[in-house]
């Protein structure tokens, strides 16, 4: 993060304020990846993962490709299979908080 400088008059650095939207978006992306990681950990067994992925609308071949992968949790949360099943919109519908939307609702001029 960039440091926000205050001038002698007390005004905030313009570019420091403008950069906040990018920082919020990056943090929001990291949080959603973390949530997908936690959900993937909860689905411990490959057959559970396959069943859940198919229940979220993936075809059987894609569900098998993801469920039987040996990738680590964090890496798996960024794959196309998991991102397609656990989209940002779906997670918001399930009750997870969207920081970027909240920030933009408060800062209408962004």
C-alpha atoms as a PDB file:
ATOM      1  CA  UNK A   1       0.000   0.000   0.000  1.00  0.00           C
ATOM      2  CA  UNK A   2       1.104   3.493  -0.711  1.00  0.00           C
ATOM      3  CA  UNK A   3       1.578   5.892   2.134  1.00  0.00           C
ATOM      4  CA  UNK A   4      -0.960   8.711   2.231  1.00  0.00           C
ATOM      5  CA  UNK A   5       0.856  11.978   2.731  1.00  0.00           C
ATOM      6  CA  UNK A   6      -0.628  15.030   4.374  1.00  0.00           C
ATOM      7  CA  UNK A   7       0.498  18.442   3.148  1.00  0.00           C
ATOM      8  CA  UNK A   8       0.890  21.582   5.233  1.00  0.00           C
ATOM      9  CA  UNK A   9      -2.747  22.522   4.593  1.00  0.00           C
ATOM     10  CA  UNK A  10      -3.965  19.128   5.760  1.00  0.00           C
ATOM     11  CA  UNK A  11      -5.174  17.842   2.375  1.00  0.00           C
ATOM     12  CA  UNK A  12      -4.797  14.161   1.650  1.00  0.00           C
ATOM     13  CA  UNK A  13      -2.690  13.131  -1.292  1.00  0.00           C
ATOM     14  CA  UNK A  14      -5.058  12.738  -4.255  1.00  0.00           C
ATOM     15  CA  UNK A  15      -3.337   9.668  -5.657  1.00  0.00           C
ATOM     16  CA  UNK A  16      -3.298   7.962  -2.268  1.00  0.00           C
ATOM     17  CA  UNK A  17      -7.096   8.228  -2.116  1.00  0.00           C
ATOM     18  CA  UNK A  18      -7.540   7.102  -5.721  1.00  0.00           C
ATOM     19  CA  UNK A  19      -5.385   4.032  -5.116  1.00  0.00           C
ATOM     20  CA  UNK A  20      -7.712   2.808  -2.349  1.00  0.00           C
ATOM     21  CA  UNK A  21     -10.215   1.373  -4.838  1.00  0.00           C
ATOM     22  CA  UNK A  22      -7.503  -0.869  -6.300  1.00  0.00           C
ATOM     23  CA  UNK A  23      -6.393  -1.982  -2.838  1.00  0.00           C
ATOM     24  CA  UNK A  24      -9.970  -2.847  -1.835  1.00  0.00           C
ATOM     25  CA  UNK A  25     -10.439  -4.861  -5.037  1.00  0.00           C
ATOM     26  CA  UNK A  26      -7.208  -6.792  -4.408  1.00  0.00           C
ATOM     27  CA  UNK A  27      -8.190  -7.514  -0.803  1.00  0.00           C
ATOM     28  CA  UNK A  28     -11.650  -8.582  -1.936  1.00  0.00           C
ATOM     29  CA  UNK A  29     -10.143 -11.048  -4.419  1.00  0.00           C
ATOM     30  CA  UNK A  30      -7.889 -12.500  -1.747  1.00  0.00           C
ATOM     31  CA  UNK A  31     -10.824 -12.891   0.659  1.00  0.00           C
ATOM     32  CA  UNK A  32     -12.943 -14.744  -1.885  1.00  0.00           C
ATOM     33  CA  UNK A  33     -10.050 -17.075  -2.643  1.00  0.00           C
ATOM     34  CA  UNK A  34      -9.686 -17.710   1.092  1.00  0.00           C
ATOM     35  CA  UNK A  35     -13.401 -18.490   1.379  1.00  0.00           C
ATOM     36  CA  UNK A  36     -13.159 -20.929  -1.555  1.00  0.00           C
ATOM     37  CA  UNK A  37     -10.160 -22.542   0.185  1.00  0.00           C
ATOM     38  CA  UNK A  38     -12.140 -23.038   3.399  1.00  0.00           C
ATOM     39  CA  UNK A  39     -15.104 -24.514   1.532  1.00  0.00           C
ATOM     40  CA  UNK A  40     -12.771 -26.862  -0.376  1.00  0.00           C
ATOM     41  CA  UNK A  41     -11.237 -27.991   2.929  1.00  0.00           C
ATOM     42  CA  UNK A  42     -14.682 -28.746   4.335  1.00  0.00           C
ATOM     43  CA  UNK A  43     -15.370 -31.084   1.427  1.00  0.00           C
ATOM     44  CA  UNK A  44     -12.695 -33.506   2.640  1.00  0.00           C
ATOM     45  CA  UNK A  45     -13.223 -36.593   0.503  1.00  0.00           C
ATOM     46  CA  UNK A  46     -12.917 -36.683  -3.296  1.00  0.00           C
ATOM     47  CA  UNK A  47     -16.348 -38.253  -3.683  1.00  0.00           C
ATOM     48  CA  UNK A  48     -17.864 -35.443  -1.590  1.00  0.00           C
ATOM     49  CA  UNK A  49     -16.066 -32.863  -3.713  1.00  0.00           C
ATOM     50  CA  UNK A  50     -17.320 -34.514  -6.902  1.00  0.00           C
ATOM     51  CA  UNK A  51     -20.892 -34.649  -5.615  1.00  0.00           C
ATOM     52  CA  UNK A  52     -20.844 -31.004  -4.480  1.00  0.00           C
ATOM     53  CA  UNK A  53     -19.266 -29.770  -7.726  1.00  0.00           C
ATOM     54  CA  UNK A  54     -21.849 -31.640  -9.782  1.00  0.00           C
ATOM     55  CA  UNK A  55     -24.566 -30.213  -7.553  1.00  0.00           C
ATOM     56  CA  UNK A  56     -23.287 -26.727  -8.352  1.00  0.00           C
ATOM     57  CA  UNK A  57     -23.745 -27.337 -12.067  1.00  0.00           C
ATOM     58  CA  UNK A  58     -20.439 -28.718 -13.343  1.00  0.00           C
ATOM     59  CA  UNK A  59     -20.438 -31.664 -15.758  1.00  0.00           C
ATOM     60  CA  UNK A  60     -19.194 -34.987 -14.411  1.00  0.00           C
ATOM     61  CA  UNK A  61     -15.865 -34.904 -16.268  1.00  0.00           C
ATOM     62  CA  UNK A  62     -15.027 -31.438 -14.859  1.00  0.00           C
ATOM     63  CA  UNK A  63     -16.133 -32.434 -11.361  1.00  0.00           C
ATOM     64  CA  UNK A  64     -13.874 -35.519 -11.494  1.00  0.00           C
ATOM     65  CA  UNK A  65     -10.986 -33.423 -12.791  1.00  0.00           C
ATOM     66  CA  UNK A  66     -11.257 -31.099  -9.803  1.00  0.00           C
ATOM     67  CA  UNK A  67     -12.242 -33.605  -7.135  1.00  0.00           C
ATOM     68  CA  UNK A  68      -9.371 -35.995  -7.758  1.00  0.00           C
ATOM     69  CA  UNK A  69      -6.707 -33.318  -8.167  1.00  0.00           C
ATOM     70  CA  UNK A  70      -3.695 -33.515  -5.854  1.00  0.00           C
ATOM     71  CA  UNK A  71      -3.134 -29.763  -5.755  1.00  0.00           C
ATOM     72  CA  UNK A  72      -2.963 -28.027  -2.381  1.00  0.00           C
ATOM     73  CA  UNK A  73      -6.018 -26.213  -1.011  1.00  0.00           C
ATOM     74  CA  UNK A  74      -4.836 -22.673  -1.785  1.00  0.00           C
ATOM     75  CA  UNK A  75      -3.768 -23.555  -5.305  1.00  0.00           C
ATOM     76  CA  UNK A  76      -6.965 -25.495  -5.948  1.00  0.00           C
ATOM     77  CA  UNK A  77      -9.093 -22.511  -4.891  1.00  0.00           C
ATOM     78  CA  UNK A  78      -7.716 -20.588  -7.879  1.00  0.00           C
ATOM     79  CA  UNK A  79      -8.415 -23.246 -10.524  1.00  0.00           C
ATOM     80  CA  UNK A  80     -11.131 -22.871 -13.121  1.00  0.00           C
ATOM     81  CA  UNK A  81     -13.146 -25.784 -11.765  1.00  0.00           C
ATOM     82  CA  UNK A  82     -13.533 -24.326  -8.281  1.00  0.00           C
ATOM     83  CA  UNK A  83     -13.913 -20.757  -9.534  1.00  0.00           C
ATOM     84  CA  UNK A  84     -16.689 -21.859 -11.896  1.00  0.00           C
ATOM     85  CA  UNK A  85     -18.540 -23.705  -9.135  1.00  0.00           C
ATOM     86  CA  UNK A  86     -17.992 -21.155  -6.356  1.00  0.00           C
ATOM     87  CA  UNK A  87     -18.395 -17.855  -8.192  1.00  0.00           C
ATOM     88  CA  UNK A  88     -18.323 -14.508  -6.466  1.00  0.00           C
ATOM     89  CA  UNK A  89     -22.040 -14.004  -7.147  1.00  0.00           C
ATOM     90  CA  UNK A  90     -22.900 -17.387  -5.662  1.00  0.00           C
ATOM     91  CA  UNK A  91     -20.861 -16.677  -2.521  1.00  0.00           C
ATOM     92  CA  UNK A  92     -22.596 -13.302  -2.127  1.00  0.00           C
ATOM     93  CA  UNK A  93     -25.987 -15.040  -2.414  1.00  0.00           C
ATOM     94  CA  UNK A  94     -24.853 -17.417   0.331  1.00  0.00           C
ATOM     95  CA  UNK A  95     -24.209 -14.442   2.621  1.00  0.00           C
ATOM     96  CA  UNK A  96     -20.534 -13.582   2.206  1.00  0.00           C
ATOM     97  CA  UNK A  97     -19.684  -9.885   2.291  1.00  0.00           C
ATOM     98  CA  UNK A  98     -18.455  -7.968  -0.762  1.00  0.00           C
ATOM     99  CA  UNK A  99     -15.957  -5.294   0.277  1.00  0.00           C
ATOM    100  CA  UNK A 100     -15.751  -3.633  -3.131  1.00  0.00           C
ATOM    101  CA  UNK A 101     -19.513  -3.111  -3.317  1.00  0.00           C
ATOM    102  CA  UNK A 102     -19.610  -1.763   0.211  1.00  0.00           C
ATOM    103  CA  UNK A 103     -16.743   0.625  -0.516  1.00  0.00           C
ATOM    104  CA  UNK A 104     -18.396   1.901  -3.694  1.00  0.00           C
ATOM    105  CA  UNK A 105     -21.729   2.421  -1.937  1.00  0.00           C
ATOM    106  CA  UNK A 106     -20.001   4.691   0.592  1.00  0.00           C
ATOM    107  CA  UNK A 107     -17.788   6.465  -1.967  1.00  0.00           C
ATOM    108  CA  UNK A 108     -20.225   7.336  -4.741  1.00  0.00           C
ATOM    109  CA  UNK A 109     -17.723   9.460  -6.683  1.00  0.00           C
ATOM    110  CA  UNK A 110     -15.297   6.585  -7.373  1.00  0.00           C
END
